[in-house]
Amino acid sequence: MSFLWTDQLSVGNRIIDSTHKKIFDMVDRIECLIKASDGHAISEAFKLIEDYLHEYFSVEEYIAQAIKFPFTQHKLAHQGLLNEVQRIGNELAADNGIWPDTAAKHYSKLLRGCFIWHIKEESKPIKIILDTQFYDFKPSIASQY
């Protein structure tokens, strides 16, 4: 089941939206690894997504500062999202590649749910401000993304 991007998920900024799309691709990859019962690759995939999230959170915070968005609450939401991703990764790692047939669907749904909730609900306040900016707005340090 592919994690499809829709315009309803846009937060109004090309950098953030492209990052969200890449995260969706990473979740799709994790689903494939679960289906393949590849415990070692799952651990690596979760390490990659966690590292990517840390990097992305820094970029989003920089964008938020550039548009004068108060980021404290959103930073807490990022930590909650990261904690949930880590929890899911730890659960999968504990089963060491021996998952029931329903695991791919279950864990993919959990991951997708976390990210969709974050984008649609927790990112609403920043989206309101980003919608007043050019879609291609990028502070100089964020231009590498």
N, C-alpha and C. Protein backbone atom coordinates (compact mmCIF):
# COMPACT_ATOMS: atom_id res chain seq x y z
N MET A 1 0.85 -1.18 0.00
CA MET A 1 0.00 0.00 0.00
C MET A 1 0.89 1.24 0.00
N SER A 2 0.87 1.98 -1.05
CA SER A 2 1.73 3.13 -1.19
C SER A 2 1.17 4.32 -0.42
N PHE A 3 2.06 5.06 0.15
CA PHE A 3 1.73 6.23 0.95
C PHE A 3 1.64 7.41 -0.01
N LEU A 4 0.47 7.73 -0.49
CA LEU A 4 0.30 8.72 -1.54
C LEU A 4 0.18 10.15 -1.01
N TRP A 5 0.86 11.04 -1.71
CA TRP A 5 0.81 12.45 -1.40
C TRP A 5 -0.42 13.08 -2.07
N THR A 6 -1.09 13.95 -1.35
CA THR A 6 -2.18 14.73 -1.94
C THR A 6 -1.95 16.20 -1.60
N ASP A 7 -2.56 17.08 -2.37
CA ASP A 7 -2.42 18.51 -2.11
C ASP A 7 -2.96 18.90 -0.74
N GLN A 8 -3.89 18.11 -0.20
CA GLN A 8 -4.44 18.39 1.12
C GLN A 8 -3.37 18.27 2.21
N LEU A 9 -2.28 17.56 1.91
CA LEU A 9 -1.21 17.40 2.88
C LEU A 9 -0.17 18.52 2.80
N SER A 10 -0.28 19.38 1.81
CA SER A 10 0.69 20.47 1.66
C SER A 10 0.60 21.43 2.84
N VAL A 11 1.76 21.85 3.33
CA VAL A 11 1.80 22.87 4.38
C VAL A 11 2.13 24.23 3.80
N GLY A 12 2.23 24.32 2.49
CA GLY A 12 2.43 25.61 1.85
C GLY A 12 3.87 26.01 1.64
N ASN A 13 4.78 25.03 1.70
CA ASN A 13 6.19 25.32 1.48
C ASN A 13 6.84 24.14 0.75
N ARG A 14 7.53 24.45 -0.35
CA ARG A 14 8.12 23.40 -1.18
C ARG A 14 9.14 22.55 -0.41
N ILE A 15 9.97 23.16 0.40
CA ILE A 15 11.00 22.42 1.14
C ILE A 15 10.34 21.43 2.10
N ILE A 16 9.39 21.91 2.88
CA ILE A 16 8.74 21.05 3.86
C ILE A 16 7.92 19.97 3.16
N ASP A 17 7.18 20.35 2.12
CA ASP A 17 6.38 19.35 1.40
C ASP A 17 7.26 18.27 0.77
N SER A 18 8.39 18.66 0.18
CA SER A 18 9.25 17.65 -0.45
C SER A 18 9.86 16.73 0.61
N THR A 19 10.12 17.28 1.78
CA THR A 19 10.62 16.45 2.88
C THR A 19 9.55 15.46 3.33
N HIS A 20 8.32 15.94 3.44
CA HIS A 20 7.22 15.05 3.82
C HIS A 20 7.07 13.93 2.79
N LYS A 21 7.21 14.25 1.52
CA LYS A 21 7.11 13.23 0.46
C LYS A 21 8.22 12.19 0.62
N LYS A 22 9.42 12.65 0.95
CA LYS A 22 10.53 11.70 1.14
C LYS A 22 10.26 10.79 2.34
N ILE A 23 9.69 11.36 3.39
CA ILE A 23 9.33 10.54 4.56
C ILE A 23 8.30 9.49 4.16
N PHE A 24 7.33 9.86 3.34
CA PHE A 24 6.33 8.90 2.85
C PHE A 24 7.03 7.76 2.12
N ASP A 25 8.02 8.10 1.29
CA ASP A 25 8.77 7.07 0.57
C ASP A 25 9.50 6.14 1.55
N MET A 26 10.03 6.71 2.61
CA MET A 26 10.74 5.91 3.61
C MET A 26 9.76 4.96 4.32
N VAL A 27 8.56 5.42 4.59
CA VAL A 27 7.55 4.56 5.22
C VAL A 27 7.17 3.43 4.26
N ASP A 28 7.04 3.74 2.98
CA ASP A 28 6.76 2.70 1.98
C ASP A 28 7.87 1.65 1.99
N ARG A 29 9.10 2.10 2.08
CA ARG A 29 10.26 1.17 2.12
C ARG A 29 10.18 0.28 3.36
N ILE A 30 9.84 0.87 4.48
CA ILE A 30 9.72 0.09 5.72
C ILE A 30 8.63 -0.97 5.56
N GLU A 31 7.53 -0.62 4.95
CA GLU A 31 6.46 -1.59 4.73
C GLU A 31 6.97 -2.77 3.90
N CYS A 32 7.72 -2.49 2.86
CA CYS A 32 8.29 -3.56 2.02
C CYS A 32 9.23 -4.45 2.83
N LEU A 33 10.02 -3.85 3.70
CA LEU A 33 10.96 -4.62 4.52
C LEU A 33 10.23 -5.49 5.53
N ILE A 34 9.14 -4.99 6.06
CA ILE A 34 8.33 -5.79 6.99
C ILE A 34 7.78 -7.01 6.25
N LYS A 35 7.24 -6.76 5.05
CA LYS A 35 6.69 -7.86 4.25
C LYS A 35 7.76 -8.90 3.92
N ALA A 36 9.00 -8.44 3.75
CA ALA A 36 10.10 -9.34 3.43
C ALA A 36 10.70 -9.99 4.68
N SER A 37 10.19 -9.64 5.86
CA SER A 37 10.71 -10.14 7.14
C SER A 37 12.20 -9.92 7.28
N ASP A 38 12.66 -8.75 6.89
CA ASP A 38 14.08 -8.42 6.93
C ASP A 38 14.36 -7.56 8.17
N GLY A 39 14.57 -8.24 9.28
CA GLY A 39 14.79 -7.56 10.56
C GLY A 39 16.00 -6.65 10.57
N HIS A 40 17.09 -7.08 9.96
CA HIS A 40 18.30 -6.25 9.93
C HIS A 40 18.06 -4.97 9.14
N ALA A 41 17.45 -5.11 7.97
CA ALA A 41 17.19 -3.94 7.13
C ALA A 41 16.18 -3.00 7.80
N ILE A 42 15.24 -3.56 8.55
CA ILE A 42 14.27 -2.72 9.27
C ILE A 42 14.99 -1.81 10.26
N SER A 43 15.92 -2.38 11.00
CA SER A 43 16.68 -1.57 11.96
C SER A 43 17.41 -0.44 11.26
N GLU A 44 18.02 -0.75 10.13
CA GLU A 44 18.73 0.28 9.36
C GLU A 44 17.75 1.33 8.83
N ALA A 45 16.59 0.89 8.35
CA ALA A 45 15.59 1.82 7.81
C ALA A 45 15.08 2.76 8.89
N PHE A 46 14.88 2.25 10.09
CA PHE A 46 14.42 3.11 11.18
C PHE A 46 15.53 4.07 11.61
N LYS A 47 16.76 3.63 11.58
CA LYS A 47 17.88 4.53 11.88
C LYS A 47 17.91 5.66 10.85
N LEU A 48 17.72 5.32 9.58
CA LEU A 48 17.72 6.33 8.52
C LEU A 48 16.57 7.33 8.70
N ILE A 49 15.39 6.82 8.97
CA ILE A 49 14.24 7.74 9.11
C ILE A 49 14.40 8.62 10.35
N GLU A 50 14.95 8.08 11.42
CA GLU A 50 15.17 8.89 12.61
C GLU A 50 16.21 9.97 12.34
N ASP A 51 17.30 9.61 11.67
CA ASP A 51 18.32 10.61 11.32
C ASP A 51 17.74 11.68 10.41
N TYR A 52 16.95 11.24 9.44
CA TYR A 52 16.33 12.18 8.51
C TYR A 52 15.37 13.11 9.25
N LEU A 53 14.62 12.59 10.19
CA LEU A 53 13.70 13.42 10.96
C LEU A 53 14.44 14.49 11.75
N HIS A 54 15.55 14.11 12.37
CA HIS A 54 16.35 15.10 13.12
C HIS A 54 16.79 16.24 12.19
N GLU A 55 17.30 15.87 11.04
CA GLU A 55 17.76 16.86 10.06
C GLU A 55 16.59 17.74 9.60
N TYR A 56 15.49 17.10 9.26
CA TYR A 56 14.31 17.81 8.79
C TYR A 56 13.77 18.76 9.87
N PHE A 57 13.72 18.31 11.11
CA PHE A 57 13.21 19.15 12.20
C PHE A 57 14.04 20.44 12.31
N SER A 58 15.35 20.32 12.13
CA SER A 58 16.21 21.51 12.19
C SER A 58 15.88 22.48 11.06
N VAL A 59 15.67 21.95 9.87
CA VAL A 59 15.34 22.80 8.72
C VAL A 59 13.99 23.47 8.93
N GLU A 60 13.00 22.71 9.38
CA GLU A 60 11.68 23.29 9.61
C GLU A 60 11.74 24.36 10.69
N GLU A 61 12.54 24.13 11.72
CA GLU A 61 12.67 25.14 12.77
C GLU A 61 13.31 26.41 12.20
N TYR A 62 14.28 26.25 11.33
CA TYR A 62 14.91 27.41 10.72
C TYR A 62 13.91 28.19 9.86
N ILE A 63 13.10 27.48 9.10
CA ILE A 63 12.06 28.13 8.29
C ILE A 63 11.07 28.85 9.21
N ALA A 64 10.68 28.19 10.29
CA ALA A 64 9.74 28.79 11.24
C ALA A 64 10.31 30.08 11.82
N GLN A 65 11.58 30.07 12.18
CA GLN A 65 12.21 31.28 12.71
C GLN A 65 12.21 32.39 11.66
N ALA A 66 12.46 32.02 10.41
CA ALA A 66 12.51 33.01 9.33
C ALA A 66 11.16 33.68 9.09
N ILE A 67 10.07 32.95 9.36
CA ILE A 67 8.74 33.54 9.18
C ILE A 67 8.15 34.02 10.52
N LYS A 68 8.99 33.99 11.55
CA LYS A 68 8.60 34.47 12.89
C LYS A 68 7.45 33.65 13.50
N PHE A 69 7.51 32.34 13.27
CA PHE A 69 6.52 31.43 13.85
C PHE A 69 7.03 30.96 15.21
N PRO A 70 6.23 31.10 16.28
CA PRO A 70 6.66 30.60 17.59
C PRO A 70 6.71 29.07 17.56
N PHE A 71 7.89 28.52 17.72
CA PHE A 71 8.12 27.12 17.41
C PHE A 71 8.10 26.19 18.62
N THR A 72 8.01 26.70 19.81
CA THR A 72 8.13 25.87 21.02
C THR A 72 7.15 24.70 21.02
N GLN A 73 5.88 24.97 20.79
CA GLN A 73 4.86 23.91 20.81
C GLN A 73 5.08 22.90 19.68
N HIS A 74 5.44 23.42 18.51
CA HIS A 74 5.66 22.53 17.36
C HIS A 74 6.89 21.65 17.59
N LYS A 75 7.87 22.19 18.28
CA LYS A 75 9.07 21.41 18.60
C LYS A 75 8.70 20.22 19.50
N LEU A 76 7.78 20.45 20.43
CA LEU A 76 7.29 19.35 21.28
C LEU A 76 6.56 18.30 20.44
N ALA A 77 5.81 18.75 19.44
CA ALA A 77 5.12 17.82 18.54
C ALA A 77 6.13 16.99 17.76
N HIS A 78 7.22 17.62 17.34
CA HIS A 78 8.28 16.88 16.64
C HIS A 78 8.86 15.80 17.54
N GLN A 79 9.11 16.15 18.80
CA GLN A 79 9.67 15.16 19.72
C GLN A 79 8.70 14.00 19.92
N GLY A 80 7.41 14.31 20.03
CA GLY A 80 6.40 13.27 20.17
C GLY A 80 6.37 12.35 18.95
N LEU A 81 6.48 12.93 17.77
CA LEU A 81 6.51 12.14 16.53
C LEU A 81 7.74 11.24 16.50
N LEU A 82 8.88 11.80 16.83
CA LEU A 82 10.11 11.01 16.86
C LEU A 82 10.01 9.88 17.88
N ASN A 83 9.46 10.16 19.05
CA ASN A 83 9.28 9.12 20.07
C ASN A 83 8.41 7.98 19.56
N GLU A 84 7.35 8.32 18.84
CA GLU A 84 6.45 7.29 18.32
C GLU A 84 7.14 6.46 17.24
N VAL A 85 7.90 7.10 16.37
CA VAL A 85 8.65 6.37 15.35
C VAL A 85 9.65 5.43 16.02
N GLN A 86 10.33 5.91 17.04
CA GLN A 86 11.29 5.07 17.76
C GLN A 86 10.59 3.90 18.45
N ARG A 87 9.42 4.15 19.02
CA ARG A 87 8.67 3.08 19.68
C ARG A 87 8.29 2.00 18.68
N ILE A 88 7.80 2.41 17.53
CA ILE A 88 7.41 1.44 16.49
C ILE A 88 8.64 0.67 16.02
N GLY A 89 9.73 1.36 15.79
CA GLY A 89 10.97 0.70 15.37
C GLY A 89 11.46 -0.29 16.41
N ASN A 90 11.37 0.08 17.68
CA ASN A 90 11.80 -0.83 18.75
C ASN A 90 10.92 -2.07 18.83
N GLU A 91 9.61 -1.88 18.63
CA GLU A 91 8.70 -3.03 18.63
C GLU A 91 9.06 -4.00 17.51
N LEU A 92 9.30 -3.47 16.34
CA LEU A 92 9.66 -4.32 15.21
C LEU A 92 11.01 -5.01 15.45
N ALA A 93 11.97 -4.27 15.98
CA ALA A 93 13.30 -4.84 16.24
C ALA A 93 13.22 -5.96 17.27
N ALA A 94 12.34 -5.80 18.24
CA ALA A 94 12.21 -6.82 19.29
C ALA A 94 11.73 -8.16 18.72
N ASP A 95 10.95 -8.09 17.63
CA ASP A 95 10.45 -9.33 17.01
C ASP A 95 11.44 -9.92 16.01
N ASN A 96 12.55 -9.23 15.78
CA ASN A 96 13.68 -9.74 15.00
C ASN A 96 13.30 -10.37 13.66
N GLY A 97 12.41 -9.72 12.94
CA GLY A 97 12.06 -10.19 11.60
C GLY A 97 11.03 -11.30 11.57
N ILE A 98 10.52 -11.67 12.73
CA ILE A 98 9.51 -12.73 12.77
C ILE A 98 8.18 -12.06 13.11
N TRP A 99 7.50 -11.64 12.04
CA TRP A 99 6.26 -10.91 12.20
C TRP A 99 5.12 -11.69 11.57
N PRO A 100 3.92 -11.53 12.12
CA PRO A 100 2.76 -12.16 11.47
C PRO A 100 2.49 -11.47 10.12
N ASP A 101 1.71 -12.11 9.29
CA ASP A 101 1.39 -11.55 7.97
C ASP A 101 0.73 -10.18 8.05
N THR A 102 0.06 -9.91 9.14
CA THR A 102 -0.64 -8.64 9.30
C THR A 102 0.27 -7.50 9.76
N ALA A 103 1.53 -7.80 10.09
CA ALA A 103 2.43 -6.79 10.64
C ALA A 103 2.69 -5.64 9.68
N ALA A 104 2.90 -5.93 8.41
CA ALA A 104 3.21 -4.86 7.45
C ALA A 104 2.07 -3.85 7.41
N LYS A 105 0.88 -4.35 7.32
CA LYS A 105 -0.29 -3.45 7.26
C LYS A 105 -0.44 -2.68 8.57
N HIS A 106 -0.30 -3.37 9.68
CA HIS A 106 -0.47 -2.75 11.00
C HIS A 106 0.56 -1.64 11.23
N TYR A 107 1.83 -1.96 11.08
CA TYR A 107 2.88 -0.98 11.38
C TYR A 107 2.92 0.14 10.34
N SER A 108 2.63 -0.18 9.10
CA SER A 108 2.57 0.87 8.08
C SER A 108 1.44 1.84 8.40
N LYS A 109 0.31 1.30 8.82
CA LYS A 109 -0.83 2.14 9.18
C LYS A 109 -0.47 3.04 10.38
N LEU A 110 0.23 2.48 11.36
CA LEU A 110 0.66 3.28 12.51
C LEU A 110 1.57 4.42 12.08
N LEU A 111 2.58 4.09 11.26
CA LEU A 111 3.51 5.12 10.80
C LEU A 111 2.81 6.18 9.97
N ARG A 112 2.00 5.73 9.03
CA ARG A 112 1.26 6.68 8.19
C ARG A 112 0.38 7.58 9.07
N GLY A 113 -0.29 6.97 10.01
CA GLY A 113 -1.16 7.73 10.91
C GLY A 113 -0.40 8.80 11.67
N CYS A 114 0.78 8.45 12.16
CA CYS A 114 1.61 9.42 12.89
C CYS A 114 1.95 10.62 12.01
N PHE A 115 2.40 10.32 10.80
CA PHE A 115 2.84 11.40 9.92
C PHE A 115 1.67 12.23 9.40
N ILE A 116 0.58 11.57 9.06
CA ILE A 116 -0.58 12.32 8.57
C ILE A 116 -1.14 13.21 9.68
N TRP A 117 -1.22 12.68 10.90
CA TRP A 117 -1.68 13.48 12.03
C TRP A 117 -0.77 14.69 12.22
N HIS A 118 0.52 14.46 12.16
CA HIS A 118 1.47 15.56 12.35
C HIS A 118 1.27 16.64 11.28
N ILE A 119 1.15 16.21 10.03
CA ILE A 119 1.01 17.17 8.94
C ILE A 119 -0.33 17.89 9.00
N LYS A 120 -1.40 17.12 9.12
CA LYS A 120 -2.74 17.72 9.03
C LYS A 120 -3.15 18.48 10.29
N GLU A 121 -2.77 18.00 11.44
CA GLU A 121 -3.24 18.60 12.69
C GLU A 121 -2.17 19.45 13.38
N GLU A 122 -1.03 18.85 13.64
CA GLU A 122 -0.01 19.57 14.41
C GLU A 122 0.66 20.68 13.60
N SER A 123 0.62 20.58 12.28
CA SER A 123 1.25 21.60 11.43
C SER A 123 0.28 22.69 10.98
N LYS A 124 -0.97 22.62 11.41
CA LYS A 124 -1.95 23.65 11.02
C LYS A 124 -1.48 25.07 11.33
N PRO A 125 -0.98 25.34 12.54
CA PRO A 125 -0.59 26.72 12.85
C PRO A 125 0.53 27.25 11.94
N ILE A 126 1.51 26.43 11.64
CA ILE A 126 2.59 26.91 10.77
C ILE A 126 2.10 27.02 9.32
N LYS A 127 1.18 26.16 8.93
CA LYS A 127 0.62 26.21 7.58
C LYS A 127 -0.09 27.54 7.33
N ILE A 128 -0.78 28.04 8.33
CA ILE A 128 -1.49 29.32 8.20
C ILE A 128 -0.51 30.42 7.81
N ILE A 129 0.64 30.44 8.44
CA ILE A 129 1.64 31.47 8.13
C ILE A 129 2.33 31.16 6.80
N LEU A 130 2.68 29.91 6.57
CA LEU A 130 3.34 29.56 5.32
C LEU A 130 2.47 29.85 4.10
N ASP A 131 1.17 29.74 4.26
CA ASP A 131 0.26 30.03 3.15
C ASP A 131 0.31 31.51 2.75
N THR A 132 0.87 32.37 3.59
CA THR A 132 1.01 33.79 3.25
C THR A 132 2.34 34.08 2.56
N GLN A 133 3.20 33.06 2.46
CA GLN A 133 4.52 33.19 1.84
C GLN A 133 4.48 32.60 0.43
N PHE A 134 5.52 32.86 -0.33
CA PHE A 134 5.67 32.17 -1.61
C PHE A 134 5.91 30.70 -1.33
N TYR A 135 5.34 29.83 -2.16
CA TYR A 135 5.51 28.38 -1.97
C TYR A 135 6.99 28.00 -2.00
N ASP A 136 7.77 28.71 -2.79
CA ASP A 136 9.20 28.41 -2.92
C ASP A 136 10.06 29.14 -1.89
N PHE A 137 9.44 29.76 -0.89
CA PHE A 137 10.20 30.47 0.14
C PHE A 137 11.21 29.54 0.79
N LYS A 138 12.46 30.00 0.83
CA LYS A 138 13.48 29.22 1.51
C LYS A 138 14.55 30.16 2.08
N PRO A 139 14.70 30.11 3.37
CA PRO A 139 15.81 30.85 3.97
C PRO A 139 17.12 30.29 3.43
N SER A 140 18.16 31.04 3.44
CA SER A 140 19.42 30.63 2.79
C SER A 140 19.94 29.27 3.24
N ILE A 141 19.92 28.97 4.52
CA ILE A 141 20.45 27.69 4.99
C ILE A 141 19.56 26.51 4.54
N ALA A 142 18.29 26.74 4.36
CA ALA A 142 17.37 25.67 3.97
C ALA A 142 17.42 25.40 2.47
N SER A 143 18.13 26.22 1.71
CA SER A 143 18.13 26.08 0.26
C SER A 143 18.79 24.79 -0.21
N GLN A 144 19.55 24.14 0.64
CA GLN A 144 20.20 22.89 0.25
C GLN A 144 19.22 21.72 0.24
N TYR A 145 17.99 21.91 0.68
CA TYR A 145 17.01 20.82 0.75
C TYR A 145 16.03 20.87 -0.36
